[in-house]
Amino acid sequence: MHAIHSNIRSAMVACATLLAVTVMPASAADTILTIDGDIAGQAPVDMTLADIEALGSATIVTKTPWHETAVSFEGVPLAALLEKAGANGQTLSVFALNNYRSEIPVSDVAKHGVILAYKQDGAYMPVSDKGPLFVVYPFDADPALNNEVYYARSAWPVRSITVED
């Protein structure tokens, strides 16, 4: 009986540790985003949260299919990220930590002011809640964005972006 309680206790500690790891924001020194593909220099660009924040920020307040009320998202404009990387392609393949992949036409970036959000309602987003990075469109600003095409482009938790022709 003692062995069973010990195993249960060990499993509970492991679950609590896993939960703590998934809800804590990444350290400012950790690489949280890699941009590669058709970019200047052709070498992948690894970025920390501090690197991303240094590029400036924008805020989008919008309802999403995943939130019941309007949410304030703060993040780097995707246009600033693409400029920093020297992107030359027409399509962004966005890869999430959970292996989800979405494709975003580069034309969406300027047309809609898409951001890569790292804060929701003023707080950094943990992996357990679409963080550390979430592609956000201004859904409330344009009714044409409220459909499955744009919802599917709103990837999270983003890990890398490959710029393609």
N, C-alpha and C. Protein backbone atom coordinates (compact mmCIF):
# COMPACT_ATOMS: atom_id res chain seq x y z
N MET A 1 0.82 -1.19 0.00
CA MET A 1 0.00 0.00 0.00
C MET A 1 0.87 1.26 0.00
N HIS A 2 1.97 1.21 0.78
CA HIS A 2 2.88 2.36 0.84
C HIS A 2 3.47 2.65 -0.54
N ALA A 3 3.77 1.61 -1.31
CA ALA A 3 4.33 1.79 -2.66
C ALA A 3 3.32 2.47 -3.58
N ILE A 4 2.04 2.13 -3.44
CA ILE A 4 1.02 2.76 -4.26
C ILE A 4 0.94 4.24 -3.95
N HIS A 5 0.92 4.59 -2.65
CA HIS A 5 0.86 6.00 -2.26
C HIS A 5 2.10 6.74 -2.73
N SER A 6 3.24 6.09 -2.67
CA SER A 6 4.49 6.70 -3.13
C SER A 6 4.43 6.96 -4.64
N ASN A 7 3.90 6.01 -5.41
CA ASN A 7 3.76 6.18 -6.86
C ASN A 7 2.77 7.29 -7.20
N ILE A 8 1.66 7.34 -6.46
CA ILE A 8 0.68 8.39 -6.69
C ILE A 8 1.29 9.75 -6.37
N ARG A 9 2.00 9.83 -5.25
CA ARG A 9 2.65 11.08 -4.87
C ARG A 9 3.67 11.50 -5.93
N SER A 10 4.45 10.54 -6.43
CA SER A 10 5.43 10.85 -7.48
C SER A 10 4.75 11.35 -8.75
N ALA A 11 3.65 10.72 -9.11
CA ALA A 11 2.91 11.15 -10.30
C ALA A 11 2.35 12.56 -10.10
N MET A 12 1.85 12.85 -8.89
CA MET A 12 1.30 14.19 -8.62
C MET A 12 2.39 15.25 -8.69
N VAL A 13 3.56 14.94 -8.16
CA VAL A 13 4.68 15.88 -8.21
C VAL A 13 5.10 16.11 -9.66
N ALA A 14 5.16 15.05 -10.45
CA ALA A 14 5.52 15.18 -11.86
C ALA A 14 4.50 16.03 -12.60
N CYS A 15 3.21 15.82 -12.34
CA CYS A 15 2.17 16.63 -13.00
C CYS A 15 2.27 18.08 -12.57
N ALA A 16 2.49 18.33 -11.29
CA ALA A 16 2.61 19.71 -10.81
C ALA A 16 3.82 20.39 -11.43
N THR A 17 4.92 19.66 -11.56
CA THR A 17 6.12 20.22 -12.18
C THR A 17 5.86 20.55 -13.63
N LEU A 18 5.20 19.64 -14.36
CA LEU A 18 4.88 19.87 -15.76
C LEU A 18 3.96 21.07 -15.90
N LEU A 19 2.96 21.19 -15.03
CA LEU A 19 2.05 22.33 -15.08
C LEU A 19 2.80 23.62 -14.81
N ALA A 20 3.68 23.65 -13.85
CA ALA A 20 4.46 24.85 -13.53
C ALA A 20 5.31 25.26 -14.72
N VAL A 21 5.90 24.30 -15.41
CA VAL A 21 6.74 24.61 -16.56
C VAL A 21 5.91 25.20 -17.70
N THR A 22 4.70 24.68 -17.92
CA THR A 22 3.91 25.14 -19.05
C THR A 22 3.23 26.48 -18.81
N VAL A 23 3.08 26.93 -17.56
CA VAL A 23 2.42 28.21 -17.34
C VAL A 23 3.40 29.34 -17.08
N MET A 24 4.66 29.04 -16.86
CA MET A 24 5.64 30.09 -16.60
C MET A 24 6.10 30.70 -17.92
N PRO A 25 6.21 32.04 -17.98
CA PRO A 25 6.73 32.65 -19.21
C PRO A 25 8.19 32.29 -19.41
N ALA A 26 8.61 32.30 -20.66
CA ALA A 26 10.00 32.00 -20.98
C ALA A 26 10.91 33.08 -20.40
N SER A 27 12.12 32.72 -20.08
CA SER A 27 13.11 33.68 -19.63
C SER A 27 13.43 34.62 -20.79
N ALA A 28 13.74 35.87 -20.45
CA ALA A 28 14.05 36.87 -21.50
C ALA A 28 15.28 36.45 -22.31
N ALA A 29 16.11 35.55 -21.78
CA ALA A 29 17.32 35.13 -22.47
C ALA A 29 17.11 33.91 -23.37
N ASP A 30 15.94 33.27 -23.28
CA ASP A 30 15.66 32.08 -24.08
C ASP A 30 15.21 32.44 -25.49
N THR A 31 15.68 31.68 -26.47
CA THR A 31 15.18 31.84 -27.84
C THR A 31 13.75 31.33 -27.86
N ILE A 32 12.82 32.21 -28.29
CA ILE A 32 11.43 31.79 -28.37
C ILE A 32 10.91 31.81 -29.80
N LEU A 33 11.70 32.38 -30.74
CA LEU A 33 11.26 32.44 -32.12
C LEU A 33 12.46 32.31 -33.04
N THR A 34 12.30 31.51 -34.09
CA THR A 34 13.30 31.40 -35.15
C THR A 34 12.64 31.76 -36.46
N ILE A 35 13.30 32.66 -37.20
CA ILE A 35 12.82 33.03 -38.53
C ILE A 35 13.85 32.52 -39.53
N ASP A 36 13.40 31.79 -40.56
CA ASP A 36 14.33 31.26 -41.55
C ASP A 36 13.69 31.28 -42.93
N GLY A 37 14.37 30.69 -43.88
CA GLY A 37 13.85 30.65 -45.25
C GLY A 37 14.44 31.75 -46.10
N ASP A 38 13.61 32.41 -46.88
CA ASP A 38 14.04 33.43 -47.82
C ASP A 38 14.23 34.76 -47.09
N ILE A 39 15.34 34.83 -46.35
CA ILE A 39 15.67 36.02 -45.56
C ILE A 39 17.09 36.47 -45.88
N ALA A 40 17.42 37.70 -45.50
CA ALA A 40 18.77 38.23 -45.74
C ALA A 40 19.80 37.34 -45.06
N GLY A 41 20.86 37.03 -45.76
CA GLY A 41 21.92 36.21 -45.20
C GLY A 41 21.63 34.73 -45.18
N GLN A 42 20.39 34.34 -45.37
CA GLN A 42 19.95 32.94 -45.43
C GLN A 42 20.15 32.16 -44.13
N ALA A 43 20.85 32.73 -43.13
CA ALA A 43 21.03 32.03 -41.85
C ALA A 43 19.81 32.29 -40.97
N PRO A 44 19.34 31.28 -40.25
CA PRO A 44 18.19 31.48 -39.36
C PRO A 44 18.46 32.59 -38.34
N VAL A 45 17.41 33.31 -38.01
CA VAL A 45 17.49 34.37 -37.02
C VAL A 45 16.77 33.89 -35.77
N ASP A 46 17.51 33.72 -34.69
CA ASP A 46 16.92 33.32 -33.41
C ASP A 46 16.66 34.58 -32.59
N MET A 47 15.48 34.64 -31.97
CA MET A 47 15.10 35.83 -31.22
C MET A 47 14.60 35.47 -29.83
N THR A 48 15.01 36.29 -28.87
CA THR A 48 14.50 36.18 -27.51
C THR A 48 13.29 37.10 -27.38
N LEU A 49 12.60 37.01 -26.28
CA LEU A 49 11.49 37.91 -26.03
C LEU A 49 11.99 39.35 -26.00
N ALA A 50 13.15 39.58 -25.41
CA ALA A 50 13.73 40.94 -25.37
C ALA A 50 14.01 41.45 -26.77
N ASP A 51 14.53 40.59 -27.66
CA ASP A 51 14.78 40.98 -29.06
C ASP A 51 13.47 41.39 -29.74
N ILE A 52 12.43 40.62 -29.50
CA ILE A 52 11.14 40.87 -30.13
C ILE A 52 10.55 42.18 -29.60
N GLU A 53 10.60 42.37 -28.30
CA GLU A 53 10.05 43.60 -27.71
C GLU A 53 10.81 44.84 -28.17
N ALA A 54 12.09 44.70 -28.45
CA ALA A 54 12.91 45.84 -28.89
C ALA A 54 12.49 46.36 -30.27
N LEU A 55 11.73 45.56 -31.03
CA LEU A 55 11.29 45.97 -32.37
C LEU A 55 10.06 46.88 -32.33
N GLY A 56 9.54 47.13 -31.15
CA GLY A 56 8.35 47.97 -31.02
C GLY A 56 7.12 47.12 -30.83
N SER A 57 6.04 47.78 -30.45
CA SER A 57 4.82 47.01 -30.21
C SER A 57 3.60 47.72 -30.77
N ALA A 58 2.57 46.96 -30.93
CA ALA A 58 1.26 47.45 -31.35
C ALA A 58 0.23 46.71 -30.51
N THR A 59 -0.93 47.30 -30.40
CA THR A 59 -2.00 46.70 -29.61
C THR A 59 -3.22 46.51 -30.51
N ILE A 60 -3.82 45.34 -30.38
CA ILE A 60 -5.09 45.04 -31.05
C ILE A 60 -6.07 44.64 -29.96
N VAL A 61 -7.21 45.32 -29.92
CA VAL A 61 -8.29 44.95 -29.01
C VAL A 61 -9.38 44.35 -29.88
N THR A 62 -9.66 43.08 -29.65
CA THR A 62 -10.61 42.37 -30.52
C THR A 62 -11.19 41.16 -29.83
N LYS A 63 -12.37 40.76 -30.27
CA LYS A 63 -12.91 39.46 -29.89
C LYS A 63 -12.25 38.43 -30.80
N THR A 64 -12.15 37.23 -30.33
CA THR A 64 -11.64 36.13 -31.14
C THR A 64 -12.58 34.95 -30.95
N PRO A 65 -12.48 33.94 -31.78
CA PRO A 65 -13.30 32.74 -31.56
C PRO A 65 -12.94 32.00 -30.27
N TRP A 66 -11.81 32.34 -29.66
CA TRP A 66 -11.32 31.62 -28.49
C TRP A 66 -11.49 32.41 -27.20
N HIS A 67 -12.10 33.58 -27.28
CA HIS A 67 -12.34 34.43 -26.11
C HIS A 67 -13.78 34.92 -26.16
N GLU A 68 -14.45 34.96 -25.02
CA GLU A 68 -15.86 35.35 -24.98
C GLU A 68 -16.06 36.85 -25.13
N THR A 69 -15.08 37.64 -24.72
CA THR A 69 -15.19 39.10 -24.82
C THR A 69 -13.95 39.64 -25.52
N ALA A 70 -13.98 40.93 -25.83
CA ALA A 70 -12.81 41.55 -26.47
C ALA A 70 -11.61 41.47 -25.54
N VAL A 71 -10.46 41.22 -26.13
CA VAL A 71 -9.20 41.06 -25.40
C VAL A 71 -8.20 42.05 -25.98
N SER A 72 -7.35 42.59 -25.13
CA SER A 72 -6.28 43.48 -25.57
C SER A 72 -5.01 42.65 -25.76
N PHE A 73 -4.53 42.60 -27.00
CA PHE A 73 -3.30 41.89 -27.31
C PHE A 73 -2.21 42.90 -27.62
N GLU A 74 -1.04 42.68 -27.06
CA GLU A 74 0.12 43.52 -27.36
C GLU A 74 1.20 42.63 -27.95
N GLY A 75 1.83 43.12 -29.02
CA GLY A 75 2.89 42.34 -29.63
C GLY A 75 3.60 43.12 -30.70
N VAL A 76 4.54 42.46 -31.31
CA VAL A 76 5.33 43.09 -32.36
C VAL A 76 4.57 43.01 -33.68
N PRO A 77 4.51 44.10 -34.43
CA PRO A 77 3.92 44.01 -35.76
C PRO A 77 4.72 43.01 -36.60
N LEU A 78 4.04 42.10 -37.27
CA LEU A 78 4.75 41.13 -38.11
C LEU A 78 5.60 41.84 -39.15
N ALA A 79 5.18 43.01 -39.60
CA ALA A 79 5.97 43.76 -40.57
C ALA A 79 7.35 44.10 -40.02
N ALA A 80 7.44 44.44 -38.74
CA ALA A 80 8.73 44.77 -38.13
C ALA A 80 9.62 43.53 -38.05
N LEU A 81 9.03 42.37 -37.75
CA LEU A 81 9.81 41.12 -37.71
C LEU A 81 10.36 40.78 -39.08
N LEU A 82 9.52 40.91 -40.10
CA LEU A 82 9.95 40.58 -41.46
C LEU A 82 11.04 41.53 -41.93
N GLU A 83 10.91 42.80 -41.58
CA GLU A 83 11.94 43.77 -41.95
C GLU A 83 13.26 43.44 -41.25
N LYS A 84 13.20 43.11 -39.96
CA LYS A 84 14.40 42.76 -39.19
C LYS A 84 15.12 41.57 -39.82
N ALA A 85 14.36 40.59 -40.29
CA ALA A 85 14.95 39.38 -40.87
C ALA A 85 15.34 39.56 -42.33
N GLY A 86 14.91 40.65 -42.94
CA GLY A 86 15.18 40.85 -44.37
C GLY A 86 14.41 39.87 -45.22
N ALA A 87 13.13 39.67 -44.88
CA ALA A 87 12.30 38.69 -45.58
C ALA A 87 12.03 39.13 -47.01
N ASN A 88 12.07 38.14 -47.94
CA ASN A 88 11.86 38.41 -49.36
C ASN A 88 10.73 37.59 -49.97
N GLY A 89 10.12 36.72 -49.22
CA GLY A 89 9.13 35.81 -49.78
C GLY A 89 7.73 36.37 -49.82
N GLN A 90 6.80 35.53 -50.25
CA GLN A 90 5.39 35.89 -50.40
C GLN A 90 4.48 35.20 -49.38
N THR A 91 5.02 34.16 -48.74
CA THR A 91 4.22 33.37 -47.80
C THR A 91 5.02 33.10 -46.53
N LEU A 92 4.32 33.15 -45.40
CA LEU A 92 4.92 32.79 -44.12
C LEU A 92 4.34 31.46 -43.69
N SER A 93 5.20 30.48 -43.48
CA SER A 93 4.77 29.22 -42.87
C SER A 93 5.06 29.35 -41.39
N VAL A 94 4.00 29.37 -40.61
CA VAL A 94 4.11 29.57 -39.17
C VAL A 94 3.95 28.22 -38.49
N PHE A 95 4.92 27.88 -37.66
CA PHE A 95 4.92 26.59 -36.97
C PHE A 95 4.75 26.81 -35.47
N ALA A 96 3.84 26.05 -34.88
CA ALA A 96 3.56 26.15 -33.45
C ALA A 96 4.28 25.04 -32.69
N LEU A 97 4.39 25.22 -31.39
CA LEU A 97 5.03 24.22 -30.54
C LEU A 97 4.31 22.87 -30.59
N ASN A 98 3.01 22.89 -30.87
CA ASN A 98 2.22 21.66 -30.92
C ASN A 98 2.16 21.05 -32.33
N ASN A 99 3.08 21.50 -33.22
CA ASN A 99 3.18 21.03 -34.60
C ASN A 99 2.09 21.55 -35.53
N TYR A 100 1.25 22.47 -35.07
CA TYR A 100 0.28 23.12 -35.95
C TYR A 100 1.06 23.99 -36.94
N ARG A 101 0.59 24.04 -38.18
CA ARG A 101 1.24 24.85 -39.21
C ARG A 101 0.17 25.66 -39.93
N SER A 102 0.43 26.95 -40.07
CA SER A 102 -0.48 27.78 -40.85
C SER A 102 0.32 28.56 -41.88
N GLU A 103 -0.35 28.96 -42.94
CA GLU A 103 0.29 29.77 -43.97
C GLU A 103 -0.38 31.12 -44.00
N ILE A 104 0.45 32.17 -43.97
CA ILE A 104 -0.04 33.54 -44.00
C ILE A 104 0.56 34.24 -45.21
N PRO A 105 -0.28 34.78 -46.09
CA PRO A 105 0.28 35.56 -47.19
C PRO A 105 0.96 36.81 -46.62
N VAL A 106 2.13 37.15 -47.11
CA VAL A 106 2.84 38.34 -46.63
C VAL A 106 1.96 39.57 -46.84
N SER A 107 1.11 39.56 -47.85
CA SER A 107 0.23 40.70 -48.10
C SER A 107 -0.71 40.98 -46.92
N ASP A 108 -1.06 39.96 -46.13
CA ASP A 108 -1.90 40.16 -44.94
C ASP A 108 -1.23 41.06 -43.91
N VAL A 109 0.09 40.99 -43.84
CA VAL A 109 0.83 41.67 -42.79
C VAL A 109 0.55 43.17 -42.80
N ALA A 110 0.74 43.82 -43.94
CA ALA A 110 0.49 45.26 -44.03
C ALA A 110 -1.00 45.57 -44.15
N LYS A 111 -1.71 44.77 -44.92
CA LYS A 111 -3.13 45.03 -45.17
C LYS A 111 -3.95 45.03 -43.88
N HIS A 112 -3.64 44.11 -42.98
CA HIS A 112 -4.45 43.95 -41.76
C HIS A 112 -3.73 44.35 -40.48
N GLY A 113 -2.44 44.68 -40.56
CA GLY A 113 -1.72 45.05 -39.34
C GLY A 113 -1.59 43.90 -38.35
N VAL A 114 -1.30 42.72 -38.87
CA VAL A 114 -1.18 41.51 -38.05
C VAL A 114 -0.03 41.66 -37.07
N ILE A 115 -0.25 41.20 -35.84
CA ILE A 115 0.82 41.23 -34.84
C ILE A 115 1.14 39.82 -34.36
N LEU A 116 2.32 39.67 -33.79
CA LEU A 116 2.71 38.47 -33.08
C LEU A 116 2.65 38.85 -31.60
N ALA A 117 1.53 38.53 -30.97
CA ALA A 117 1.26 38.97 -29.61
C ALA A 117 2.06 38.16 -28.59
N TYR A 118 2.53 38.86 -27.56
CA TYR A 118 3.19 38.21 -26.43
C TYR A 118 2.51 38.57 -25.12
N LYS A 119 1.56 39.52 -25.16
CA LYS A 119 0.80 39.88 -23.96
C LYS A 119 -0.69 39.86 -24.28
N GLN A 120 -1.45 39.43 -23.28
CA GLN A 120 -2.90 39.44 -23.34
C GLN A 120 -3.39 40.17 -22.11
N ASP A 121 -4.14 41.24 -22.31
CA ASP A 121 -4.63 42.07 -21.20
C ASP A 121 -3.50 42.46 -20.25
N GLY A 122 -2.36 42.81 -20.82
CA GLY A 122 -1.23 43.33 -20.04
C GLY A 122 -0.29 42.30 -19.45
N ALA A 123 -0.62 41.03 -19.56
CA ALA A 123 0.22 39.98 -18.97
C ALA A 123 0.83 39.12 -20.07
N TYR A 124 2.09 38.71 -19.86
CA TYR A 124 2.72 37.80 -20.81
C TYR A 124 1.91 36.51 -20.86
N MET A 125 1.79 35.96 -22.06
CA MET A 125 0.98 34.76 -22.26
C MET A 125 1.83 33.50 -22.05
N PRO A 126 1.40 32.63 -21.16
CA PRO A 126 2.11 31.36 -20.97
C PRO A 126 1.74 30.37 -22.07
N VAL A 127 2.53 29.33 -22.22
CA VAL A 127 2.26 28.29 -23.22
C VAL A 127 0.87 27.70 -23.00
N SER A 128 0.43 27.62 -21.77
CA SER A 128 -0.89 27.04 -21.48
C SER A 128 -2.04 27.92 -21.95
N ASP A 129 -1.74 29.17 -22.35
CA ASP A 129 -2.80 30.07 -22.83
C ASP A 129 -2.33 30.84 -24.06
N LYS A 130 -1.99 30.11 -25.11
CA LYS A 130 -1.64 30.62 -26.44
C LYS A 130 -0.30 31.33 -26.53
N GLY A 131 0.50 31.30 -25.49
CA GLY A 131 1.79 31.96 -25.52
C GLY A 131 2.92 30.99 -25.78
N PRO A 132 4.10 31.45 -25.87
CA PRO A 132 4.46 32.84 -25.63
C PRO A 132 4.16 33.77 -26.79
N LEU A 133 3.85 33.23 -27.99
CA LEU A 133 3.59 34.06 -29.15
C LEU A 133 2.34 33.57 -29.88
N PHE A 134 1.48 34.52 -30.28
CA PHE A 134 0.18 34.22 -30.87
C PHE A 134 -0.05 35.18 -32.04
N VAL A 135 -0.30 34.65 -33.24
CA VAL A 135 -0.61 35.48 -34.40
C VAL A 135 -2.02 36.03 -34.21
N VAL A 136 -2.14 37.37 -34.20
CA VAL A 136 -3.44 38.00 -33.96
C VAL A 136 -3.80 38.95 -35.10
N TYR A 137 -4.98 38.73 -35.64
CA TYR A 137 -5.58 39.62 -36.64
C TYR A 137 -6.57 40.53 -35.92
N PRO A 138 -6.82 41.72 -36.43
CA PRO A 138 -7.82 42.60 -35.82
C PRO A 138 -9.24 42.22 -36.29
N PHE A 139 -9.76 41.13 -35.77
CA PHE A 139 -11.03 40.58 -36.23
C PHE A 139 -12.17 41.59 -36.17
N ASP A 140 -12.21 42.43 -35.13
CA ASP A 140 -13.32 43.39 -35.00
C ASP A 140 -13.20 44.56 -35.97
N ALA A 141 -12.02 44.80 -36.49
CA ALA A 141 -11.81 45.95 -37.38
C ALA A 141 -12.34 45.72 -38.80
N ASP A 142 -12.48 44.46 -39.18
CA ASP A 142 -12.91 44.16 -40.54
C ASP A 142 -13.74 42.87 -40.53
N PRO A 143 -15.04 42.98 -40.77
CA PRO A 143 -15.90 41.79 -40.76
C PRO A 143 -15.43 40.68 -41.70
N ALA A 144 -14.70 41.04 -42.75
CA ALA A 144 -14.21 40.02 -43.70
C ALA A 144 -13.20 39.07 -43.04
N LEU A 145 -12.65 39.46 -41.91
CA LEU A 145 -11.67 38.61 -41.21
C LEU A 145 -12.34 37.54 -40.36
N ASN A 146 -13.63 37.64 -40.17
CA ASN A 146 -14.34 36.70 -39.30
C ASN A 146 -14.80 35.46 -40.06
N ASN A 147 -13.81 34.65 -40.43
CA ASN A 147 -14.10 33.38 -41.08
C ASN A 147 -12.96 32.41 -40.84
N GLU A 148 -13.19 31.17 -41.20
CA GLU A 148 -12.23 30.10 -40.92
C GLU A 148 -10.86 30.31 -41.56
N VAL A 149 -10.80 31.00 -42.70
CA VAL A 149 -9.52 31.24 -43.37
C VAL A 149 -8.59 32.01 -42.44
N TYR A 150 -9.08 33.10 -41.86
CA TYR A 150 -8.23 33.94 -41.00
C TYR A 150 -8.07 33.33 -39.61
N TYR A 151 -9.09 32.64 -39.13
CA TYR A 151 -8.95 31.97 -37.84
C TYR A 151 -7.83 30.93 -37.93
N ALA A 152 -7.75 30.21 -39.04
CA ALA A 152 -6.72 29.17 -39.20
C ALA A 152 -5.32 29.77 -39.28
N ARG A 153 -5.21 31.01 -39.73
CA ARG A 153 -3.91 31.68 -39.81
C ARG A 153 -3.42 32.15 -38.44
N SER A 154 -4.31 32.22 -37.48
CA SER A 154 -3.98 32.72 -36.14
C SER A 154 -3.37 31.62 -35.29
N ALA A 155 -2.15 31.28 -35.60
CA ALA A 155 -1.45 30.18 -34.94
C ALA A 155 -0.98 30.55 -33.54
N TRP A 156 -0.92 29.56 -32.68
CA TRP A 156 -0.33 29.68 -31.35
C TRP A 156 0.05 28.30 -30.88
N PRO A 157 0.90 28.08 -29.97
CA PRO A 157 2.01 28.93 -29.56
C PRO A 157 3.11 28.89 -30.62
N VAL A 158 3.36 30.02 -31.24
CA VAL A 158 4.29 30.10 -32.35
C VAL A 158 5.71 29.84 -31.88
N ARG A 159 6.43 29.02 -32.66
CA ARG A 159 7.84 28.71 -32.39
C ARG A 159 8.76 29.18 -33.51
N SER A 160 8.28 29.10 -34.77
CA SER A 160 9.14 29.51 -35.87
C SER A 160 8.31 29.99 -37.05
N ILE A 161 8.96 30.80 -37.89
CA ILE A 161 8.35 31.30 -39.11
C ILE A 161 9.33 31.08 -40.24
N THR A 162 8.88 30.40 -41.28
CA THR A 162 9.70 30.20 -42.47
C THR A 162 9.13 31.06 -43.59
N VAL A 163 9.99 31.92 -44.16
CA VAL A 163 9.60 32.80 -45.25
C VAL A 163 9.82 32.03 -46.56
N GLU A 164 8.76 31.93 -47.37
CA GLU A 164 8.83 31.16 -48.61
C GLU A 164 8.39 32.02 -49.79
N ASP A 165 8.84 31.62 -51.01
CA ASP A 165 8.44 32.32 -52.23
C ASP A 165 6.99 32.11 -52.55
